[in-house]
Amino acid sequence: MSESSQIKPEAGTSPTDFGLEDRKESIKTYVEQTKLLVALASAFVFAPAVLTSAIKGEVTRAVSDEQFWTFVAAEVLFVLSIMTGYVVLGTIAGSQVRGEHWVYRRETVLSSFVQIGTYVVGLTVFIVFSYLLMTAPATLPAQDLRPPVGSIGPSPKL
């Protein structure tokens, strides 16, 4: 594409400054990017549980209050990112109904910033959770304190 044929948006541009096909293509790209971010955030909703199982192995780790609330914060942020992604898609659908096909609407841009922000902060909190989980002191599994099968009462002490 030659430099003279490229459209350079300036402050205050409106949907009428671009061709309809250009606006439709930008909508398609924007929708795909939003769906990808929703998919990434959805995968991370399950990641803490998988991480906990992978790290535990044969050793049990007591979950501290700090670890628990970090886990909850990461989950909430990822769910908010997913929900905000649906808001983004809704704002795009709203502009299409009116025939605007415009990704730079204030509502679309603001909800996109919230979606990306909650995802990035959720990812950061997830990394903190991972670090707290991996650096927690390990304890051995509790010994089986049940009496042997067939015995009556507690085991005799030697």
N, C-alpha and C. Protein backbone atom coordinates (compact mmCIF):
# COMPACT_ATOMS: atom_id res chain seq x y z
N MET A 1 0.84 -1.17 0.00
CA MET A 1 0.00 0.00 0.00
C MET A 1 0.88 1.23 0.00
N SER A 2 0.64 2.15 -0.86
CA SER A 2 1.46 3.36 -0.90
C SER A 2 1.09 4.26 0.26
N GLU A 3 2.03 5.11 0.63
CA GLU A 3 1.80 5.98 1.78
C GLU A 3 0.64 6.95 1.53
N SER A 4 0.45 7.37 0.29
CA SER A 4 -0.61 8.33 0.00
C SER A 4 -1.99 7.69 0.08
N SER A 5 -2.08 6.36 -0.09
CA SER A 5 -3.39 5.71 -0.04
C SER A 5 -3.77 5.25 1.36
N GLN A 6 -2.82 5.34 2.32
CA GLN A 6 -3.12 4.94 3.69
C GLN A 6 -3.95 6.02 4.37
N ILE A 7 -4.93 5.57 5.14
CA ILE A 7 -5.77 6.50 5.89
C ILE A 7 -5.13 6.70 7.24
N LYS A 8 -4.85 7.92 7.58
CA LYS A 8 -4.24 8.22 8.87
C LYS A 8 -5.28 8.93 9.73
N PRO A 9 -5.79 8.21 10.75
CA PRO A 9 -6.80 8.84 11.60
C PRO A 9 -6.20 9.97 12.42
N GLU A 10 -6.95 11.01 12.55
CA GLU A 10 -6.54 12.14 13.37
C GLU A 10 -7.53 12.28 14.50
N ALA A 11 -7.17 13.10 15.46
CA ALA A 11 -8.08 13.35 16.59
C ALA A 11 -9.39 13.90 16.05
N GLY A 12 -10.48 13.35 16.55
CA GLY A 12 -11.79 13.84 16.15
C GLY A 12 -12.33 13.20 14.88
N THR A 13 -11.68 12.12 14.41
CA THR A 13 -12.21 11.47 13.21
C THR A 13 -13.51 10.76 13.54
N SER A 14 -14.31 10.57 12.56
CA SER A 14 -15.61 9.91 12.77
C SER A 14 -15.72 8.72 11.81
N PRO A 15 -16.72 7.87 12.02
CA PRO A 15 -16.88 6.70 11.14
C PRO A 15 -17.05 7.08 9.68
N THR A 16 -17.56 8.25 9.40
CA THR A 16 -17.80 8.64 8.01
C THR A 16 -16.51 8.99 7.29
N ASP A 17 -15.40 9.15 8.04
CA ASP A 17 -14.11 9.46 7.43
C ASP A 17 -13.46 8.23 6.80
N PHE A 18 -13.98 7.04 7.07
CA PHE A 18 -13.43 5.80 6.55
C PHE A 18 -14.46 5.11 5.69
N GLY A 19 -13.99 4.26 4.77
CA GLY A 19 -14.90 3.51 3.92
C GLY A 19 -15.62 2.42 4.72
N LEU A 20 -16.81 2.05 4.27
CA LEU A 20 -17.60 1.03 4.97
C LEU A 20 -16.86 -0.29 5.05
N GLU A 21 -16.20 -0.70 3.99
CA GLU A 21 -15.48 -1.98 4.01
C GLU A 21 -14.31 -1.94 4.99
N ASP A 22 -13.63 -0.80 5.09
CA ASP A 22 -12.54 -0.66 6.05
C ASP A 22 -13.06 -0.80 7.47
N ARG A 23 -14.19 -0.17 7.73
CA ARG A 23 -14.77 -0.23 9.07
C ARG A 23 -15.24 -1.64 9.40
N LYS A 24 -15.81 -2.35 8.43
CA LYS A 24 -16.26 -3.72 8.66
C LYS A 24 -15.06 -4.64 8.94
N GLU A 25 -13.97 -4.44 8.23
CA GLU A 25 -12.76 -5.24 8.48
C GLU A 25 -12.20 -4.96 9.86
N SER A 26 -12.20 -3.70 10.27
CA SER A 26 -11.67 -3.39 11.61
C SER A 26 -12.55 -4.01 12.69
N ILE A 27 -13.85 -4.04 12.46
CA ILE A 27 -14.77 -4.69 13.41
C ILE A 27 -14.44 -6.17 13.52
N LYS A 28 -14.24 -6.84 12.38
CA LYS A 28 -13.92 -8.28 12.40
C LYS A 28 -12.64 -8.54 13.19
N THR A 29 -11.62 -7.74 12.93
CA THR A 29 -10.35 -7.91 13.64
C THR A 29 -10.52 -7.66 15.12
N TYR A 30 -11.25 -6.62 15.48
CA TYR A 30 -11.47 -6.27 16.87
C TYR A 30 -12.23 -7.37 17.61
N VAL A 31 -13.22 -7.92 16.95
CA VAL A 31 -14.01 -9.01 17.55
C VAL A 31 -13.12 -10.23 17.78
N GLU A 32 -12.28 -10.57 16.81
CA GLU A 32 -11.39 -11.72 16.96
C GLU A 32 -10.41 -11.50 18.11
N GLN A 33 -9.85 -10.31 18.23
CA GLN A 33 -8.93 -10.02 19.32
C GLN A 33 -9.63 -10.11 20.67
N THR A 34 -10.84 -9.62 20.74
CA THR A 34 -11.60 -9.67 21.99
C THR A 34 -11.91 -11.12 22.35
N LYS A 35 -12.30 -11.94 21.37
CA LYS A 35 -12.58 -13.34 21.64
C LYS A 35 -11.33 -14.09 22.09
N LEU A 36 -10.18 -13.77 21.53
CA LEU A 36 -8.94 -14.41 21.95
C LEU A 36 -8.61 -14.08 23.40
N LEU A 37 -8.82 -12.82 23.78
CA LEU A 37 -8.55 -12.44 25.17
C LEU A 37 -9.53 -13.10 26.13
N VAL A 38 -10.78 -13.25 25.72
CA VAL A 38 -11.76 -13.97 26.53
C VAL A 38 -11.32 -15.43 26.69
N ALA A 39 -10.84 -16.04 25.62
CA ALA A 39 -10.38 -17.43 25.69
C ALA A 39 -9.16 -17.56 26.62
N LEU A 40 -8.23 -16.62 26.53
CA LEU A 40 -7.06 -16.66 27.42
C LEU A 40 -7.48 -16.53 28.88
N ALA A 41 -8.35 -15.58 29.17
CA ALA A 41 -8.81 -15.39 30.55
C ALA A 41 -9.57 -16.61 31.03
N SER A 42 -10.34 -17.24 30.14
CA SER A 42 -11.09 -18.45 30.52
C SER A 42 -10.14 -19.58 30.89
N ALA A 43 -9.05 -19.71 30.16
CA ALA A 43 -8.08 -20.76 30.47
C ALA A 43 -7.46 -20.53 31.84
N PHE A 44 -7.22 -19.27 32.19
CA PHE A 44 -6.61 -18.97 33.47
C PHE A 44 -7.56 -19.12 34.65
N VAL A 45 -8.85 -19.24 34.39
CA VAL A 45 -9.78 -19.50 35.48
C VAL A 45 -9.48 -20.88 36.07
N PHE A 46 -9.04 -21.81 35.24
CA PHE A 46 -8.72 -23.16 35.71
C PHE A 46 -7.25 -23.34 36.06
N ALA A 47 -6.40 -22.43 35.64
CA ALA A 47 -4.96 -22.58 35.85
C ALA A 47 -4.55 -22.69 37.32
N PRO A 48 -5.10 -21.89 38.24
CA PRO A 48 -4.67 -22.03 39.64
C PRO A 48 -4.93 -23.42 40.21
N ALA A 49 -6.06 -24.01 39.87
CA ALA A 49 -6.35 -25.36 40.37
C ALA A 49 -5.36 -26.37 39.80
N VAL A 50 -5.04 -26.24 38.53
CA VAL A 50 -4.09 -27.15 37.90
C VAL A 50 -2.70 -26.93 38.49
N LEU A 51 -2.33 -25.68 38.69
CA LEU A 51 -1.02 -25.37 39.26
C LEU A 51 -0.89 -25.96 40.66
N THR A 52 -1.92 -25.81 41.46
CA THR A 52 -1.90 -26.34 42.82
C THR A 52 -1.71 -27.85 42.79
N SER A 53 -2.42 -28.54 41.92
CA SER A 53 -2.29 -29.99 41.81
C SER A 53 -0.89 -30.38 41.34
N ALA A 54 -0.35 -29.64 40.39
CA ALA A 54 0.97 -29.97 39.85
C ALA A 54 2.07 -29.76 40.89
N ILE A 55 1.95 -28.72 41.69
CA ILE A 55 2.99 -28.42 42.68
C ILE A 55 2.89 -29.35 43.87
N LYS A 56 1.68 -29.70 44.26
CA LYS A 56 1.51 -30.53 45.45
C LYS A 56 2.25 -31.85 45.35
N GLY A 57 2.02 -32.61 44.31
CA GLY A 57 2.66 -33.91 44.16
C GLY A 57 2.38 -34.77 45.37
N GLU A 58 3.44 -35.31 45.98
CA GLU A 58 3.30 -36.17 47.15
C GLU A 58 3.36 -35.38 48.45
N VAL A 59 3.59 -34.11 48.37
CA VAL A 59 3.74 -33.30 49.58
C VAL A 59 2.52 -32.40 49.73
N THR A 60 2.01 -32.31 50.93
CA THR A 60 0.87 -31.43 51.17
C THR A 60 1.38 -30.07 51.60
N ARG A 61 0.73 -29.05 51.15
CA ARG A 61 1.09 -27.70 51.52
C ARG A 61 -0.14 -27.05 52.16
N ALA A 62 0.08 -26.50 53.31
CA ALA A 62 -1.01 -25.78 53.95
C ALA A 62 -1.20 -24.47 53.20
N VAL A 63 -2.43 -24.14 52.90
CA VAL A 63 -2.71 -22.90 52.19
C VAL A 63 -2.92 -21.81 53.22
N SER A 64 -2.08 -20.80 53.17
CA SER A 64 -2.20 -19.70 54.12
C SER A 64 -3.34 -18.78 53.69
N ASP A 65 -3.72 -17.88 54.58
CA ASP A 65 -4.75 -16.90 54.23
C ASP A 65 -4.28 -16.04 53.06
N GLU A 66 -3.00 -15.68 53.06
CA GLU A 66 -2.46 -14.85 51.97
C GLU A 66 -2.56 -15.58 50.63
N GLN A 67 -2.22 -16.87 50.61
CA GLN A 67 -2.32 -17.65 49.38
C GLN A 67 -3.78 -17.77 48.94
N PHE A 68 -4.66 -18.02 49.89
CA PHE A 68 -6.07 -18.19 49.55
C PHE A 68 -6.64 -16.92 48.93
N TRP A 69 -6.40 -15.77 49.54
CA TRP A 69 -6.97 -14.52 49.03
C TRP A 69 -6.29 -14.08 47.73
N THR A 70 -5.05 -14.45 47.54
CA THR A 70 -4.38 -14.17 46.26
C THR A 70 -5.03 -15.01 45.16
N PHE A 71 -5.30 -16.26 45.49
CA PHE A 71 -6.00 -17.16 44.55
C PHE A 71 -7.37 -16.58 44.19
N VAL A 72 -8.13 -16.16 45.19
CA VAL A 72 -9.47 -15.61 44.95
C VAL A 72 -9.39 -14.34 44.10
N ALA A 73 -8.42 -13.47 44.40
CA ALA A 73 -8.27 -12.23 43.64
C ALA A 73 -7.98 -12.53 42.17
N ALA A 74 -7.08 -13.48 41.91
CA ALA A 74 -6.76 -13.83 40.52
C ALA A 74 -8.00 -14.35 39.80
N GLU A 75 -8.75 -15.21 40.46
CA GLU A 75 -9.96 -15.77 39.85
C GLU A 75 -10.98 -14.68 39.54
N VAL A 76 -11.20 -13.79 40.49
CA VAL A 76 -12.17 -12.70 40.30
C VAL A 76 -11.75 -11.82 39.13
N LEU A 77 -10.46 -11.49 39.05
CA LEU A 77 -9.98 -10.64 37.96
C LEU A 77 -10.15 -11.31 36.60
N PHE A 78 -9.87 -12.61 36.52
CA PHE A 78 -10.05 -13.30 35.25
C PHE A 78 -11.52 -13.37 34.85
N VAL A 79 -12.40 -13.62 35.80
CA VAL A 79 -13.83 -13.65 35.50
C VAL A 79 -14.31 -12.26 35.07
N LEU A 80 -13.82 -11.21 35.73
CA LEU A 80 -14.18 -9.84 35.31
C LEU A 80 -13.69 -9.55 33.90
N SER A 81 -12.51 -10.03 33.56
CA SER A 81 -11.99 -9.84 32.21
C SER A 81 -12.88 -10.53 31.18
N ILE A 82 -13.33 -11.72 31.51
CA ILE A 82 -14.22 -12.46 30.60
C ILE A 82 -15.54 -11.70 30.43
N MET A 83 -16.12 -11.29 31.54
CA MET A 83 -17.40 -10.58 31.48
C MET A 83 -17.27 -9.26 30.71
N THR A 84 -16.17 -8.55 30.94
CA THR A 84 -15.96 -7.29 30.23
C THR A 84 -15.76 -7.54 28.75
N GLY A 85 -15.18 -8.68 28.39
CA GLY A 85 -15.06 -9.03 26.97
C GLY A 85 -16.42 -9.14 26.31
N TYR A 86 -17.38 -9.67 27.04
CA TYR A 86 -18.74 -9.74 26.49
C TYR A 86 -19.36 -8.35 26.36
N VAL A 87 -19.00 -7.45 27.27
CA VAL A 87 -19.47 -6.06 27.15
C VAL A 87 -18.88 -5.43 25.89
N VAL A 88 -17.59 -5.67 25.66
CA VAL A 88 -16.94 -5.15 24.44
C VAL A 88 -17.68 -5.64 23.21
N LEU A 89 -17.95 -6.94 23.15
CA LEU A 89 -18.66 -7.48 22.00
C LEU A 89 -20.06 -6.88 21.87
N GLY A 90 -20.69 -6.61 23.01
CA GLY A 90 -22.01 -5.97 22.99
C GLY A 90 -21.96 -4.55 22.45
N THR A 91 -20.92 -3.81 22.80
CA THR A 91 -20.81 -2.44 22.28
C THR A 91 -20.56 -2.45 20.78
N ILE A 92 -19.82 -3.44 20.32
CA ILE A 92 -19.58 -3.55 18.87
C ILE A 92 -20.87 -3.90 18.16
N ALA A 93 -21.62 -4.85 18.72
CA ALA A 93 -22.90 -5.23 18.12
C ALA A 93 -23.84 -4.03 18.08
N GLY A 94 -23.80 -3.21 19.14
CA GLY A 94 -24.65 -2.02 19.18
C GLY A 94 -24.30 -1.03 18.08
N SER A 95 -23.02 -0.89 17.78
CA SER A 95 -22.64 0.04 16.71
C SER A 95 -23.00 -0.52 15.34
N GLN A 96 -22.97 -1.85 15.20
CA GLN A 96 -23.32 -2.46 13.92
C GLN A 96 -24.81 -2.31 13.62
N VAL A 97 -25.63 -2.40 14.67
CA VAL A 97 -27.08 -2.27 14.48
C VAL A 97 -27.42 -0.90 13.90
N ARG A 98 -26.68 0.11 14.37
CA ARG A 98 -26.91 1.46 13.86
C ARG A 98 -26.18 1.73 12.55
N GLY A 99 -25.44 0.74 12.07
CA GLY A 99 -24.73 0.90 10.80
C GLY A 99 -23.43 1.67 10.92
N GLU A 100 -22.95 1.87 12.15
CA GLU A 100 -21.73 2.65 12.33
C GLU A 100 -20.47 1.84 12.04
N HIS A 101 -20.41 0.58 12.50
CA HIS A 101 -19.22 -0.26 12.33
C HIS A 101 -17.97 0.51 12.75
N TRP A 102 -17.94 0.93 13.99
CA TRP A 102 -16.88 1.82 14.47
C TRP A 102 -16.30 1.27 15.77
N VAL A 103 -15.02 0.90 15.77
CA VAL A 103 -14.40 0.33 16.97
C VAL A 103 -13.88 1.40 17.92
N TYR A 104 -13.88 2.65 17.50
CA TYR A 104 -13.35 3.71 18.35
C TYR A 104 -14.43 4.45 19.15
N ARG A 105 -15.60 3.83 19.27
CA ARG A 105 -16.63 4.43 20.13
C ARG A 105 -16.11 4.45 21.56
N ARG A 106 -16.47 5.46 22.32
CA ARG A 106 -15.99 5.61 23.70
C ARG A 106 -16.30 4.36 24.53
N GLU A 107 -17.50 3.81 24.40
CA GLU A 107 -17.91 2.65 25.18
C GLU A 107 -17.06 1.43 24.84
N THR A 108 -16.77 1.25 23.57
CA THR A 108 -15.97 0.11 23.13
C THR A 108 -14.53 0.24 23.63
N VAL A 109 -13.95 1.41 23.48
CA VAL A 109 -12.57 1.62 23.90
C VAL A 109 -12.43 1.48 25.42
N LEU A 110 -13.34 2.09 26.17
CA LEU A 110 -13.26 2.02 27.63
C LEU A 110 -13.43 0.58 28.13
N SER A 111 -14.41 -0.14 27.59
CA SER A 111 -14.60 -1.52 28.05
C SER A 111 -13.43 -2.40 27.62
N SER A 112 -12.81 -2.09 26.49
CA SER A 112 -11.62 -2.85 26.07
C SER A 112 -10.46 -2.61 27.04
N PHE A 113 -10.28 -1.36 27.46
CA PHE A 113 -9.22 -1.06 28.44
C PHE A 113 -9.47 -1.80 29.75
N VAL A 114 -10.73 -1.86 30.17
CA VAL A 114 -11.06 -2.59 31.41
C VAL A 114 -10.79 -4.08 31.22
N GLN A 115 -11.16 -4.62 30.06
CA GLN A 115 -10.93 -6.05 29.80
C GLN A 115 -9.44 -6.37 29.83
N ILE A 116 -8.65 -5.60 29.12
CA ILE A 116 -7.21 -5.84 29.08
C ILE A 116 -6.59 -5.61 30.45
N GLY A 117 -7.03 -4.55 31.13
CA GLY A 117 -6.49 -4.24 32.45
C GLY A 117 -6.75 -5.32 33.47
N THR A 118 -7.98 -5.83 33.51
CA THR A 118 -8.30 -6.88 34.48
C THR A 118 -7.55 -8.17 34.14
N TYR A 119 -7.33 -8.42 32.85
CA TYR A 119 -6.56 -9.60 32.47
C TYR A 119 -5.10 -9.47 32.91
N VAL A 120 -4.48 -8.33 32.64
CA VAL A 120 -3.07 -8.13 32.99
C VAL A 120 -2.87 -8.15 34.51
N VAL A 121 -3.76 -7.48 35.24
CA VAL A 121 -3.65 -7.48 36.70
C VAL A 121 -3.91 -8.90 37.23
N GLY A 122 -4.89 -9.59 36.66
CA GLY A 122 -5.17 -10.98 37.06
C GLY A 122 -3.97 -11.88 36.80
N LEU A 123 -3.30 -11.68 35.68
CA LEU A 123 -2.11 -12.46 35.37
C LEU A 123 -0.99 -12.16 36.37
N THR A 124 -0.84 -10.91 36.74
CA THR A 124 0.16 -10.53 37.73
C THR A 124 -0.14 -11.16 39.08
N VAL A 125 -1.39 -11.11 39.49
CA VAL A 125 -1.79 -11.71 40.77
C VAL A 125 -1.60 -13.23 40.70
N PHE A 126 -1.88 -13.83 39.56
CA PHE A 126 -1.66 -15.27 39.39
C PHE A 126 -0.18 -15.62 39.54
N ILE A 127 0.70 -14.79 39.01
CA ILE A 127 2.14 -15.02 39.15
C ILE A 127 2.54 -14.92 40.63
N VAL A 128 1.97 -13.94 41.34
CA VAL A 128 2.24 -13.82 42.78
C VAL A 128 1.74 -15.07 43.50
N PHE A 129 0.54 -15.52 43.16
CA PHE A 129 -0.01 -16.75 43.75
C PHE A 129 0.92 -17.93 43.50
N SER A 130 1.40 -18.06 42.28
CA SER A 130 2.32 -19.15 41.94
C SER A 130 3.58 -19.08 42.79
N TYR A 131 4.11 -17.88 42.93
CA TYR A 131 5.33 -17.70 43.72
C TYR A 131 5.07 -18.07 45.19
N LEU A 132 3.96 -17.59 45.75
CA LEU A 132 3.63 -17.90 47.14
C LEU A 132 3.45 -19.40 47.34
N LEU A 133 2.85 -20.06 46.37
CA LEU A 133 2.60 -21.49 46.46
C LEU A 133 3.91 -22.29 46.37
N MET A 134 4.79 -21.87 45.48
CA MET A 134 6.04 -22.61 45.29
C MET A 134 7.04 -22.38 46.42
N THR A 135 6.96 -21.23 47.08
CA THR A 135 7.92 -20.94 48.15
C THR A 135 7.39 -21.29 49.53
N ALA A 136 6.17 -21.81 49.61
CA ALA A 136 5.61 -22.20 50.91
C ALA A 136 6.36 -23.40 51.44
N PRO A 137 6.56 -23.46 52.75
CA PRO A 137 7.26 -24.61 53.32
C PRO A 137 6.42 -25.88 53.14
N ALA A 138 7.07 -26.96 52.80
CA ALA A 138 6.38 -28.23 52.58
C ALA A 138 6.30 -28.99 53.90
N THR A 139 5.21 -29.71 54.07
CA THR A 139 5.06 -30.58 55.24
C THR A 139 4.77 -31.97 54.74
N LEU A 140 5.19 -32.96 55.50
CA LEU A 140 4.92 -34.33 55.10
C LEU A 140 3.46 -34.66 55.30
N PRO A 141 2.92 -35.59 54.52
CA PRO A 141 1.51 -35.96 54.71
C PRO A 141 1.29 -36.52 56.11
N ALA A 142 0.10 -36.30 56.63
CA ALA A 142 -0.23 -36.79 57.97
C ALA A 142 -0.16 -38.31 57.97
N GLN A 143 0.39 -38.88 59.04
CA GLN A 143 0.50 -40.34 59.15
C GLN A 143 -0.88 -40.92 59.41
N ASP A 144 -1.07 -42.12 58.94
CA ASP A 144 -2.34 -42.80 59.16
C ASP A 144 -2.37 -43.26 60.61
N LEU A 145 -3.20 -42.63 61.43
CA LEU A 145 -3.24 -42.91 62.86
C LEU A 145 -4.33 -43.90 63.25
N ARG A 146 -4.98 -44.49 62.27
CA ARG A 146 -6.02 -45.47 62.57
C ARG A 146 -5.39 -46.77 63.09
N PRO A 147 -6.05 -47.46 64.02
CA PRO A 147 -5.51 -48.74 64.50
C PRO A 147 -5.54 -49.77 63.39
N PRO A 148 -4.65 -50.75 63.43
CA PRO A 148 -4.65 -51.79 62.40
C PRO A 148 -5.99 -52.53 62.38
N VAL A 149 -6.30 -53.08 61.23
CA VAL A 149 -7.55 -53.82 61.05
C VAL A 149 -7.54 -55.04 61.98
N GLY A 150 -8.63 -55.26 62.70
CA GLY A 150 -8.75 -56.41 63.58
C GLY A 150 -8.33 -56.13 65.01
N SER A 151 -7.73 -54.99 65.26
CA SER A 151 -7.34 -54.71 66.64
C SER A 151 -8.48 -53.98 67.34
N ILE A 152 -8.50 -54.08 68.63
CA ILE A 152 -9.53 -53.41 69.41
C ILE A 152 -8.83 -52.35 70.23
N GLY A 153 -9.31 -51.16 70.11
CA GLY A 153 -8.72 -50.06 70.90
C GLY A 153 -7.44 -49.55 70.27
N PRO A 154 -6.81 -48.63 70.94
CA PRO A 154 -5.59 -48.03 70.40
C PRO A 154 -4.44 -49.01 70.42
N SER A 155 -3.46 -48.80 69.56
CA SER A 155 -2.26 -49.65 69.50
C SER A 155 -1.46 -49.48 70.80
N PRO A 156 -0.89 -50.58 71.30
CA PRO A 156 -0.08 -50.46 72.51
C PRO A 156 1.19 -49.69 72.24
N LYS A 157 1.60 -48.86 73.19
CA LYS A 157 2.83 -48.09 73.06
C LYS A 157 3.99 -48.88 73.62
N LEU A 158 5.06 -48.87 72.95
CA LEU A 158 6.25 -49.62 73.41
C LEU A 158 7.21 -48.74 74.13
